[in-house]
PDB file of N, CA and C in Angstrom:
ATOM      1  N   MET A   1      31.473  -9.901 -43.650  1.00  0.00           N
ATOM      2  CA  MET A   1      32.769  -9.269 -43.730  1.00  0.00           C
ATOM      3  C   MET A   1      32.699  -8.092 -44.711  1.00  0.00           C
ATOM      4  N   THR A   2      33.267  -7.000 -44.324  1.00  0.00           N
ATOM      5  CA  THR A   2      33.309  -5.798 -45.168  1.00  0.00           C
ATOM      6  C   THR A   2      34.600  -5.794 -45.978  1.00  0.00           C
ATOM      7  N   LEU A   3      34.445  -5.668 -47.286  1.00  0.00           N
ATOM      8  CA  LEU A   3      35.601  -5.624 -48.167  1.00  0.00           C
ATOM      9  C   LEU A   3      36.122  -4.197 -48.313  1.00  0.00           C
ATOM     10  N   LYS A   4      37.410  -4.089 -48.505  1.00  0.00           N
ATOM     11  CA  LYS A   4      38.024  -2.793 -48.783  1.00  0.00           C
ATOM     12  C   LYS A   4      37.552  -2.328 -50.162  1.00  0.00           C
ATOM     13  N   VAL A   5      37.322  -1.030 -50.290  1.00  0.00           N
ATOM     14  CA  VAL A   5      36.870  -0.448 -51.555  1.00  0.00           C
ATOM     15  C   VAL A   5      37.967   0.442 -52.109  1.00  0.00           C
ATOM     16  N   GLU A   6      38.265   0.242 -53.382  1.00  0.00           N
ATOM     17  CA  GLU A   6      39.211   1.101 -54.089  1.00  0.00           C
ATOM     18  C   GLU A   6      38.537   1.647 -55.339  1.00  0.00           C
ATOM     19  N   PHE A   7      38.733   2.931 -55.567  1.00  0.00           N
ATOM     20  CA  PHE A   7      38.189   3.589 -56.756  1.00  0.00           C
ATOM     21  C   PHE A   7      39.260   3.658 -57.834  1.00  0.00           C
ATOM     22  N   ARG A   8      38.875   3.330 -59.047  1.00  0.00           N
ATOM     23  CA  ARG A   8      39.749   3.646 -60.170  1.00  0.00           C
ATOM     24  C   ARG A   8      39.866   5.169 -60.212  1.00  0.00           C
ATOM     25  N   PRO A   9      41.013   5.712 -60.643  1.00  0.00           N
ATOM     26  CA  PRO A   9      41.152   7.179 -60.690  1.00  0.00           C
ATOM     27  C   PRO A   9      40.046   7.854 -61.501  1.00  0.00           C
ATOM     28  N   GLU A  10      39.634   7.221 -62.583  1.00  0.00           N
ATOM     29  CA  GLU A  10      38.578   7.795 -63.413  1.00  0.00           C
ATOM     30  C   GLU A  10      37.253   7.835 -62.657  1.00  0.00           C
ATOM     31  N   ALA A  11      36.977   6.805 -61.870  1.00  0.00           N
ATOM     32  CA  ALA A  11      35.745   6.753 -61.087  1.00  0.00           C
ATOM     33  C   ALA A  11      35.745   7.838 -60.017  1.00  0.00           C
ATOM     34  N   GLU A  12      36.884   8.030 -59.388  1.00  0.00           N
ATOM     35  CA  GLU A  12      36.998   9.079 -58.387  1.00  0.00           C
ATOM     36  C   GLU A  12      36.756  10.450 -59.015  1.00  0.00           C
ATOM     37  N   GLN A  13      37.290  10.657 -60.189  1.00  0.00           N
ATOM     38  CA  GLN A  13      37.090  11.924 -60.898  1.00  0.00           C
ATOM     39  C   GLN A  13      35.619  12.098 -61.278  1.00  0.00           C
ATOM     40  N   GLU A  14      34.975  11.044 -61.719  1.00  0.00           N
ATOM     41  CA  GLU A  14      33.549  11.128 -62.057  1.00  0.00           C
ATOM     42  C   GLU A  14      32.706  11.475 -60.834  1.00  0.00           C
ATOM     43  N   LEU A  15      33.065  10.909 -59.693  1.00  0.00           N
ATOM     44  CA  LEU A  15      32.354  11.208 -58.459  1.00  0.00           C
ATOM     45  C   LEU A  15      32.483  12.687 -58.108  1.00  0.00           C
ATOM     46  N   ILE A  16      33.676  13.212 -58.206  1.00  0.00           N
ATOM     47  CA  ILE A  16      33.914  14.631 -57.919  1.00  0.00           C
ATOM     48  C   ILE A  16      33.127  15.512 -58.890  1.00  0.00           C
ATOM     49  N   GLN A  17      33.166  15.171 -60.161  1.00  0.00           N
ATOM     50  CA  GLN A  17      32.457  15.974 -61.170  1.00  0.00           C
ATOM     51  C   GLN A  17      30.951  15.959 -60.933  1.00  0.00           C
ATOM     52  N   ALA A  18      30.402  14.782 -60.619  1.00  0.00           N
ATOM     53  CA  ALA A  18      28.963  14.684 -60.380  1.00  0.00           C
ATOM     54  C   ALA A  18      28.568  15.488 -59.140  1.00  0.00           C
ATOM     55  N   PHE A  19      29.352  15.355 -58.074  1.00  0.00           N
ATOM     56  CA  PHE A  19      29.064  16.109 -56.859  1.00  0.00           C
ATOM     57  C   PHE A  19      29.121  17.610 -57.135  1.00  0.00           C
ATOM     58  N   ASN A  20      30.145  18.044 -57.839  1.00  0.00           N
ATOM     59  CA  ASN A  20      30.284  19.471 -58.156  1.00  0.00           C
ATOM     60  C   ASN A  20      29.123  19.981 -59.001  1.00  0.00           C
ATOM     61  N   TRP A  21      28.653  19.166 -59.934  1.00  0.00           N
ATOM     62  CA  TRP A  21      27.523  19.553 -60.769  1.00  0.00           C
ATOM     63  C   TRP A  21      26.300  19.826 -59.897  1.00  0.00           C
ATOM     64  N   TYR A  22      26.020  18.903 -58.976  1.00  0.00           N
ATOM     65  CA  TYR A  22      24.880  19.102 -58.080  1.00  0.00           C
ATOM     66  C   TYR A  22      25.108  20.295 -57.152  1.00  0.00           C
ATOM     67  N   GLU A  23      26.303  20.428 -56.634  1.00  0.00           N
ATOM     68  CA  GLU A  23      26.599  21.500 -55.690  1.00  0.00           C
ATOM     69  C   GLU A  23      26.429  22.882 -56.321  1.00  0.00           C
ATOM     70  N   GLU A  24      26.789  23.005 -57.597  1.00  0.00           N
ATOM     71  CA  GLU A  24      26.631  24.287 -58.291  1.00  0.00           C
ATOM     72  C   GLU A  24      25.158  24.667 -58.447  1.00  0.00           C
ATOM     73  N   ARG A  25      24.292  23.679 -58.448  1.00  0.00           N
ATOM     74  CA  ARG A  25      22.878  23.930 -58.680  1.00  0.00           C
ATOM     75  C   ARG A  25      22.045  23.943 -57.398  1.00  0.00           C
ATOM     76  N   ASN A  26      22.423  23.069 -56.454  1.00  0.00           N
ATOM     77  CA  ASN A  26      21.614  22.948 -55.243  1.00  0.00           C
ATOM     78  C   ASN A  26      22.423  22.181 -54.199  1.00  0.00           C
ATOM     79  N   THR A  27      22.857  22.877 -53.159  1.00  0.00           N
ATOM     80  CA  THR A  27      23.714  22.226 -52.153  1.00  0.00           C
ATOM     81  C   THR A  27      23.000  21.095 -51.426  1.00  0.00           C
ATOM     82  N   SER A  28      21.704  21.234 -51.256  1.00  0.00           N
ATOM     83  CA  SER A  28      20.930  20.165 -50.610  1.00  0.00           C
ATOM     84  C   SER A  28      20.940  18.901 -51.475  1.00  0.00           C
ATOM     85  N   ALA A  29      20.777  19.067 -52.772  1.00  0.00           N
ATOM     86  CA  ALA A  29      20.829  17.922 -53.695  1.00  0.00           C
ATOM     87  C   ALA A  29      22.224  17.304 -53.691  1.00  0.00           C
ATOM     88  N   ALA A  30      23.248  18.146 -53.617  1.00  0.00           N
ATOM     89  CA  ALA A  30      24.624  17.641 -53.565  1.00  0.00           C
ATOM     90  C   ALA A  30      24.840  16.798 -52.317  1.00  0.00           C
ATOM     91  N   ASP A  31      24.311  17.257 -51.205  1.00  0.00           N
ATOM     92  CA  ASP A  31      24.433  16.494 -49.963  1.00  0.00           C
ATOM     93  C   ASP A  31      23.700  15.159 -50.061  1.00  0.00           C
ATOM     94  N   ARG A  32      22.511  15.171 -50.650  1.00  0.00           N
ATOM     95  CA  ARG A  32      21.752  13.917 -50.828  1.00  0.00           C
ATOM     96  C   ARG A  32      22.481  12.975 -51.778  1.00  0.00           C
ATOM     97  N   PHE A  33      23.071  13.524 -52.832  1.00  0.00           N
ATOM     98  CA  PHE A  33      23.835  12.708 -53.769  1.00  0.00           C
ATOM     99  C   PHE A  33      25.017  12.058 -53.056  1.00  0.00           C
ATOM    100  N   GLU A  34      25.745  12.859 -52.285  1.00  0.00           N
ATOM    101  CA  GLU A  34      26.898  12.343 -51.552  1.00  0.00           C
ATOM    102  C   GLU A  34      26.482  11.244 -50.573  1.00  0.00           C
ATOM    103  N   ASP A  35      25.384  11.447 -49.865  1.00  0.00           N
ATOM    104  CA  ASP A  35      24.886  10.430 -48.931  1.00  0.00           C
ATOM    105  C   ASP A  35      24.464   9.164 -49.670  1.00  0.00           C
ATOM    106  N   SER A  36      23.790   9.335 -50.804  1.00  0.00           N
ATOM    107  CA  SER A  36      23.328   8.180 -51.580  1.00  0.00           C
ATOM    108  C   SER A  36      24.496   7.347 -52.092  1.00  0.00           C
ATOM    109  N   ILE A  37      25.507   8.011 -52.627  1.00  0.00           N
ATOM    110  CA  ILE A  37      26.690   7.305 -53.125  1.00  0.00           C
ATOM    111  C   ILE A  37      27.406   6.609 -51.972  1.00  0.00           C
ATOM    112  N   SER A  38      27.573   7.308 -50.872  1.00  0.00           N
ATOM    113  CA  SER A  38      28.261   6.749 -49.719  1.00  0.00           C
ATOM    114  C   SER A  38      27.538   5.509 -49.197  1.00  0.00           C
ATOM    115  N   ASN A  39      26.220   5.591 -49.084  1.00  0.00           N
ATOM    116  CA  ASN A  39      25.438   4.439 -48.625  1.00  0.00           C
ATOM    117  C   ASN A  39      25.530   3.274 -49.594  1.00  0.00           C
ATOM    118  N   LEU A  40      25.494   3.566 -50.883  1.00  0.00           N
ATOM    119  CA  LEU A  40      25.581   2.501 -51.881  1.00  0.00           C
ATOM    120  C   LEU A  40      26.951   1.826 -51.849  1.00  0.00           C
ATOM    121  N   ILE A  41      28.013   2.596 -51.761  1.00  0.00           N
ATOM    122  CA  ILE A  41      29.365   2.036 -51.707  1.00  0.00           C
ATOM    123  C   ILE A  41      29.521   1.187 -50.440  1.00  0.00           C
ATOM    124  N   ASN A  42      28.981   1.671 -49.343  1.00  0.00           N
ATOM    125  CA  ASN A  42      29.017   0.910 -48.094  1.00  0.00           C
ATOM    126  C   ASN A  42      28.274  -0.417 -48.247  1.00  0.00           C
ATOM    127  N   HIS A  43      27.127  -0.367 -48.888  1.00  0.00           N
ATOM    128  CA  HIS A  43      26.334  -1.578 -49.128  1.00  0.00           C
ATOM    129  C   HIS A  43      27.088  -2.557 -50.033  1.00  0.00           C
ATOM    130  N   ILE A  44      27.725  -2.031 -51.057  1.00  0.00           N
ATOM    131  CA  ILE A  44      28.530  -2.876 -51.950  1.00  0.00           C
ATOM    132  C   ILE A  44      29.646  -3.561 -51.163  1.00  0.00           C
ATOM    133  N   SER A  45      30.323  -2.811 -50.310  1.00  0.00           N
ATOM    134  CA  SER A  45      31.459  -3.375 -49.573  1.00  0.00           C
ATOM    135  C   SER A  45      31.029  -4.460 -48.589  1.00  0.00           C
ATOM    136  N   LYS A  46      29.813  -4.363 -48.085  1.00  0.00           N
ATOM    137  CA  LYS A  46      29.326  -5.349 -47.113  1.00  0.00           C
ATOM    138  C   LYS A  46      28.674  -6.561 -47.770  1.00  0.00           C
ATOM    139  N   SER A  47      28.031  -6.343 -48.915  1.00  0.00           N
ATOM    140  CA  SER A  47      27.278  -7.431 -49.552  1.00  0.00           C
ATOM    141  C   SER A  47      27.397  -7.393 -51.068  1.00  0.00           C
ATOM    142  N   PRO A  48      28.589  -7.514 -51.609  1.00  0.00           N
ATOM    143  CA  PRO A  48      28.720  -7.388 -53.065  1.00  0.00           C
ATOM    144  C   PRO A  48      27.956  -8.466 -53.842  1.00  0.00           C
ATOM    145  N   SER A  49      27.756  -9.611 -53.251  1.00  0.00           N
ATOM    146  CA  SER A  49      27.124 -10.713 -53.979  1.00  0.00           C
ATOM    147  C   SER A  49      25.644 -10.480 -54.273  1.00  0.00           C
ATOM    148  N   ILE A  50      25.013  -9.504 -53.645  1.00  0.00           N
ATOM    149  CA  ILE A  50      23.584  -9.280 -53.903  1.00  0.00           C
ATOM    150  C   ILE A  50      23.333  -8.479 -55.176  1.00  0.00           C
ATOM    151  N   PHE A  51      24.375  -7.888 -55.732  1.00  0.00           N
ATOM    152  CA  PHE A  51      24.213  -7.058 -56.915  1.00  0.00           C
ATOM    153  C   PHE A  51      24.334  -7.899 -58.182  1.00  0.00           C
ATOM    154  N   PRO A  52      23.524  -7.576 -59.186  1.00  0.00           N
ATOM    155  CA  PRO A  52      23.534  -8.380 -60.411  1.00  0.00           C
ATOM    156  C   PRO A  52      24.813  -8.175 -61.228  1.00  0.00           C
ATOM    157  N   TYR A  53      25.086  -9.182 -62.030  1.00  0.00           N
ATOM    158  CA  TYR A  53      26.211  -9.102 -62.953  1.00  0.00           C
ATOM    159  C   TYR A  53      25.758  -8.441 -64.244  1.00  0.00           C
ATOM    160  N   LEU A  54      26.550  -7.495 -64.685  1.00  0.00           N
ATOM    161  CA  LEU A  54      26.350  -6.915 -66.004  1.00  0.00           C
ATOM    162  C   LEU A  54      26.887  -7.915 -67.015  1.00  0.00           C
ATOM    163  N   GLU A  55      28.099  -8.351 -66.763  1.00  0.00           N
ATOM    164  CA  GLU A  55      28.735  -9.488 -67.416  1.00  0.00           C
ATOM    165  C   GLU A  55      29.897  -9.871 -66.506  1.00  0.00           C
ATOM    166  N   VAL A  56      30.108 -11.132 -66.339  1.00  0.00           N
ATOM    167  CA  VAL A  56      31.132 -11.602 -65.404  1.00  0.00           C
ATOM    168  C   VAL A  56      32.486 -11.038 -65.819  1.00  0.00           C
ATOM    169  N   PRO A  57      33.253 -10.441 -64.940  1.00  0.00           N
ATOM    170  CA  PRO A  57      33.098 -10.339 -63.488  1.00  0.00           C
ATOM    171  C   PRO A  57      32.507  -9.012 -63.021  1.00  0.00           C
ATOM    172  N   ILE A  58      31.893  -8.247 -63.917  1.00  0.00           N
ATOM    173  CA  ILE A  58      31.426  -6.903 -63.592  1.00  0.00           C
ATOM    174  C   ILE A  58      29.999  -6.943 -63.038  1.00  0.00           C
ATOM    175  N   GLN A  59      29.858  -6.349 -61.863  1.00  0.00           N
ATOM    176  CA  GLN A  59      28.547  -6.208 -61.254  1.00  0.00           C
ATOM    177  C   GLN A  59      28.138  -4.744 -61.313  1.00  0.00           C
ATOM    178  N   ILE A  60      26.866  -4.498 -61.042  1.00  0.00           N
ATOM    179  CA  ILE A  60      26.365  -3.135 -61.157  1.00  0.00           C
ATOM    180  C   ILE A  60      25.412  -2.830 -60.004  1.00  0.00           C
ATOM    181  N   ALA A  61      25.567  -1.640 -59.467  1.00  0.00           N
ATOM    182  CA  ALA A  61      24.679  -1.143 -58.418  1.00  0.00           C
ATOM    183  C   ALA A  61      24.081   0.169 -58.918  1.00  0.00           C
ATOM    184  N   VAL A  62      22.797   0.351 -58.683  1.00  0.00           N
ATOM    185  CA  VAL A  62      22.084   1.510 -59.221  1.00  0.00           C
ATOM    186  C   VAL A  62      21.598   2.391 -58.067  1.00  0.00           C
ATOM    187  N   LEU A  63      21.838   3.680 -58.198  1.00  0.00           N
ATOM    188  CA  LEU A  63      21.274   4.625 -57.234  1.00  0.00           C
ATOM    189  C   LEU A  63      19.771   4.735 -57.485  1.00  0.00           C
ATOM    190  N   LYS A  64      19.010   4.821 -56.435  1.00  0.00           N
ATOM    191  CA  LYS A  64      17.556   4.878 -56.587  1.00  0.00           C
ATOM    192  C   LYS A  64      17.042   6.277 -56.880  1.00  0.00           C
ATOM    193  N   ILE A  65      17.656   7.291 -56.310  1.00  0.00           N
ATOM    194  CA  ILE A  65      17.137   8.648 -56.440  1.00  0.00           C
ATOM    195  C   ILE A  65      17.791   9.415 -57.587  1.00  0.00           C
ATOM    196  N   PHE A  66      19.042   9.163 -57.813  1.00  0.00           N
ATOM    197  CA  PHE A  66      19.803   9.896 -58.827  1.00  0.00           C
ATOM    198  C   PHE A  66      20.077   8.985 -60.023  1.00  0.00           C
ATOM    199  N   PRO A  67      20.218   9.568 -61.228  1.00  0.00           N
ATOM    200  CA  PRO A  67      20.399   8.755 -62.443  1.00  0.00           C
ATOM    201  C   PRO A  67      21.844   8.280 -62.644  1.00  0.00           C
ATOM    202  N   TYR A  68      22.350   7.537 -61.661  1.00  0.00           N
ATOM    203  CA  TYR A  68      23.722   7.038 -61.706  1.00  0.00           C
ATOM    204  C   TYR A  68      23.753   5.565 -61.360  1.00  0.00           C
ATOM    205  N   TYR A  69      24.753   4.892 -61.903  1.00  0.00           N
ATOM    206  CA  TYR A  69      25.007   3.503 -61.537  1.00  0.00           C
ATOM    207  C   TYR A  69      26.502   3.339 -61.297  1.00  0.00           C
ATOM    208  N   VAL A  70      26.838   2.276 -60.576  1.00  0.00           N
ATOM    209  CA  VAL A  70      28.218   2.038 -60.184  1.00  0.00           C
ATOM    210  C   VAL A  70      28.638   0.640 -60.640  1.00  0.00           C
ATOM    211  N   PRO A  71      29.413   0.546 -61.717  1.00  0.00           N
ATOM    212  CA  PRO A  71      29.969  -0.751 -62.093  1.00  0.00           C
ATOM    213  C   PRO A  71      31.168  -1.050 -61.193  1.00  0.00           C
ATOM    214  N   PHE A  72      31.274  -2.301 -60.774  1.00  0.00           N
ATOM    215  CA  PHE A  72      32.375  -2.694 -59.902  1.00  0.00           C
ATOM    216  C   PHE A  72      32.702  -4.160 -60.113  1.00  0.00           C
ATOM    217  N   ARG A  73      33.836  -4.553 -59.571  1.00  0.00           N
ATOM    218  CA  ARG A  73      34.193  -5.964 -59.561  1.00  0.00           C
ATOM    219  C   ARG A  73      34.891  -6.271 -58.244  1.00  0.00           C
ATOM    220  N   VAL A  74      34.736  -7.512 -57.825  1.00  0.00           N
ATOM    221  CA  VAL A  74      35.444  -7.988 -56.640  1.00  0.00           C
ATOM    222  C   VAL A  74      36.686  -8.693 -57.149  1.00  0.00           C
ATOM    223  N   LEU A  75      37.823  -8.230 -56.685  1.00  0.00           N
ATOM    224  CA  LEU A  75      39.097  -8.719 -57.197  1.00  0.00           C
ATOM    225  C   LEU A  75      40.084  -8.799 -56.046  1.00  0.00           C
ATOM    226  N   GLY A  76      40.587  -9.989 -55.778  1.00  0.00           N
ATOM    227  CA  GLY A  76      41.594 -10.156 -54.735  1.00  0.00           C
ATOM    228  C   GLY A  76      41.112  -9.746 -53.356  1.00  0.00           C
ATOM    229  N   GLY A  77      39.859 -10.019 -53.048  1.00  0.00           N
ATOM    230  CA  GLY A  77      39.333  -9.710 -51.731  1.00  0.00           C
ATOM    231  C   GLY A  77      39.010  -8.250 -51.496  1.00  0.00           C
ATOM    232  N   LYS A  78      38.914  -7.473 -52.576  1.00  0.00           N
ATOM    233  CA  LYS A  78      38.527  -6.069 -52.443  1.00  0.00           C
ATOM    234  C   LYS A  78      37.546  -5.721 -53.550  1.00  0.00           C
ATOM    235  N   VAL A  79      36.873  -4.608 -53.371  1.00  0.00           N
ATOM    236  CA  VAL A  79      35.941  -4.103 -54.377  1.00  0.00           C
ATOM    237  C   VAL A  79      36.642  -3.001 -55.149  1.00  0.00           C
ATOM    238  N   GLU A  80      36.619  -3.115 -56.461  1.00  0.00           N
ATOM    239  CA  GLU A  80      37.176  -2.074 -57.319  1.00  0.00           C
ATOM    240  C   GLU A  80      36.017  -1.356 -58.009  1.00  0.00           C
ATOM    241  N   ILE A  81      35.867  -0.076 -57.708  1.00  0.00           N
ATOM    242  CA  ILE A  81      34.830   0.746 -58.336  1.00  0.00           C
ATOM    243  C   ILE A  81      35.376   1.228 -59.673  1.00  0.00           C
ATOM    244  N   LEU A  82      34.683   0.852 -60.741  1.00  0.00           N
ATOM    245  CA  LEU A  82      35.154   1.175 -62.089  1.00  0.00           C
ATOM    246  C   LEU A  82      34.637   2.506 -62.601  1.00  0.00           C
ATOM    247  N   GLY A  83      33.504   2.955 -62.067  1.00  0.00           N
ATOM    248  CA  GLY A  83      32.948   4.215 -62.531  1.00  0.00           C
ATOM    249  C   GLY A  83      31.809   4.678 -61.649  1.00  0.00           C
ATOM    250  N   ILE A  84      31.528   5.945 -61.737  1.00  0.00           N
ATOM    251  CA  ILE A  84      30.320   6.556 -61.186  1.00  0.00           C
ATOM    252  C   ILE A  84      29.638   7.128 -62.412  1.00  0.00           C
ATOM    253  N   CYS A  85      28.747   6.358 -62.982  1.00  0.00           N
ATOM    254  CA  CYS A  85      28.275   6.577 -64.349  1.00  0.00           C
ATOM    255  C   CYS A  85      26.869   7.161 -64.406  1.00  0.00           C
ATOM    256  N   HIS A  86      26.722   8.211 -65.183  1.00  0.00           N
ATOM    257  CA  HIS A  86      25.399   8.774 -65.421  1.00  0.00           C
ATOM    258  C   HIS A  86      24.639   7.826 -66.338  1.00  0.00           C
ATOM    259  N   ALA A  87      23.398   7.559 -66.019  1.00  0.00           N
ATOM    260  CA  ALA A  87      22.601   6.581 -66.759  1.00  0.00           C
ATOM    261  C   ALA A  87      22.315   6.993 -68.201  1.00  0.00           C
ATOM    262  N   LYS A  88      22.431   8.279 -68.497  1.00  0.00           N
ATOM    263  CA  LYS A  88      22.153   8.747 -69.867  1.00  0.00           C
ATOM    264  C   LYS A  88      23.414   8.858 -70.713  1.00  0.00           C
ATOM    265  N   ARG A  89      24.550   8.543 -70.123  1.00  0.00           N
ATOM    266  CA  ARG A  89      25.796   8.597 -70.878  1.00  0.00           C
ATOM    267  C   ARG A  89      25.941   7.311 -71.694  1.00  0.00           C
ATOM    268  N   LYS A  90      26.767   7.341 -72.693  1.00  0.00           N
ATOM    269  CA  LYS A  90      26.975   6.186 -73.555  1.00  0.00           C
ATOM    270  C   LYS A  90      27.248   4.926 -72.714  1.00  0.00           C
ATOM    271  N   PRO A  91      26.441   3.888 -72.851  1.00  0.00           N
ATOM    272  CA  PRO A  91      26.642   2.669 -72.074  1.00  0.00           C
ATOM    273  C   PRO A  91      28.010   2.041 -72.350  1.00  0.00           C
ATOM    274  N   GLY A  92      28.620   1.555 -71.294  1.00  0.00           N
ATOM    275  CA  GLY A  92      29.869   0.828 -71.431  1.00  0.00           C
ATOM    276  C   GLY A  92      31.088   1.667 -71.753  1.00  0.00           C
ATOM    277  N   TYR A  93      30.990   2.996 -71.660  1.00  0.00           N
ATOM    278  CA  TYR A  93      32.134   3.840 -71.995  1.00  0.00           C
ATOM    279  C   TYR A  93      33.335   3.544 -71.102  1.00  0.00           C
ATOM    280  N   TRP A  94      33.105   2.939 -69.984  1.00  0.00           N
ATOM    281  CA  TRP A  94      34.160   2.666 -69.002  1.00  0.00           C
ATOM    282  C   TRP A  94      34.788   1.283 -69.192  1.00  0.00           C
ATOM    283  N   ASP A  95      34.380   0.542 -70.202  1.00  0.00           N
ATOM    284  CA  ASP A  95      34.870  -0.834 -70.434  1.00  0.00           C
ATOM    285  C   ASP A  95      36.392  -0.952 -70.491  1.00  0.00           C
ATOM    286  N   ASP A  96      37.051   0.071 -70.980  1.00  0.00           N
ATOM    287  CA  ASP A  96      38.512  -0.015 -71.118  1.00  0.00           C
ATOM    288  C   ASP A  96      39.231   0.124 -69.787  1.00  0.00           C
ATOM    289  N   ARG A  97      38.506   0.261 -68.704  1.00  0.00           N
ATOM    290  CA  ARG A  97      39.109   0.369 -67.370  1.00  0.00           C
ATOM    291  C   ARG A  97      39.381  -0.990 -66.744  1.00  0.00           C
ATOM    292  N   LEU A  98      39.063  -2.035 -67.445  1.00  0.00           N
ATOM    293  CA  LEU A  98      39.266  -3.391 -66.880  1.00  0.00           C
ATOM    294  C   LEU A  98      40.707  -3.830 -66.988  1.00  0.00           C
TER     295      LEU A  98
END
């Protein structure tokens, strides 16, 4: 079963900012980033239980090609995306979004 995915407003903004950063430098990289994020979100929505827990109830999915990870939680039968986080940014900066 595929779960509905909802982005926190901050996560949506981070996604836009990351895409724009890549697009300003290389449109091909921006397209690959967009595809990678889209595939990862799709995978999360179909199989959230395969992703490790950072700490209950927060799980984490990592992009393989780009230095980003996606913290999320399953809540009320849906997936809530808490952030689109750069791996070099301060860890846990998004904790207050819970």
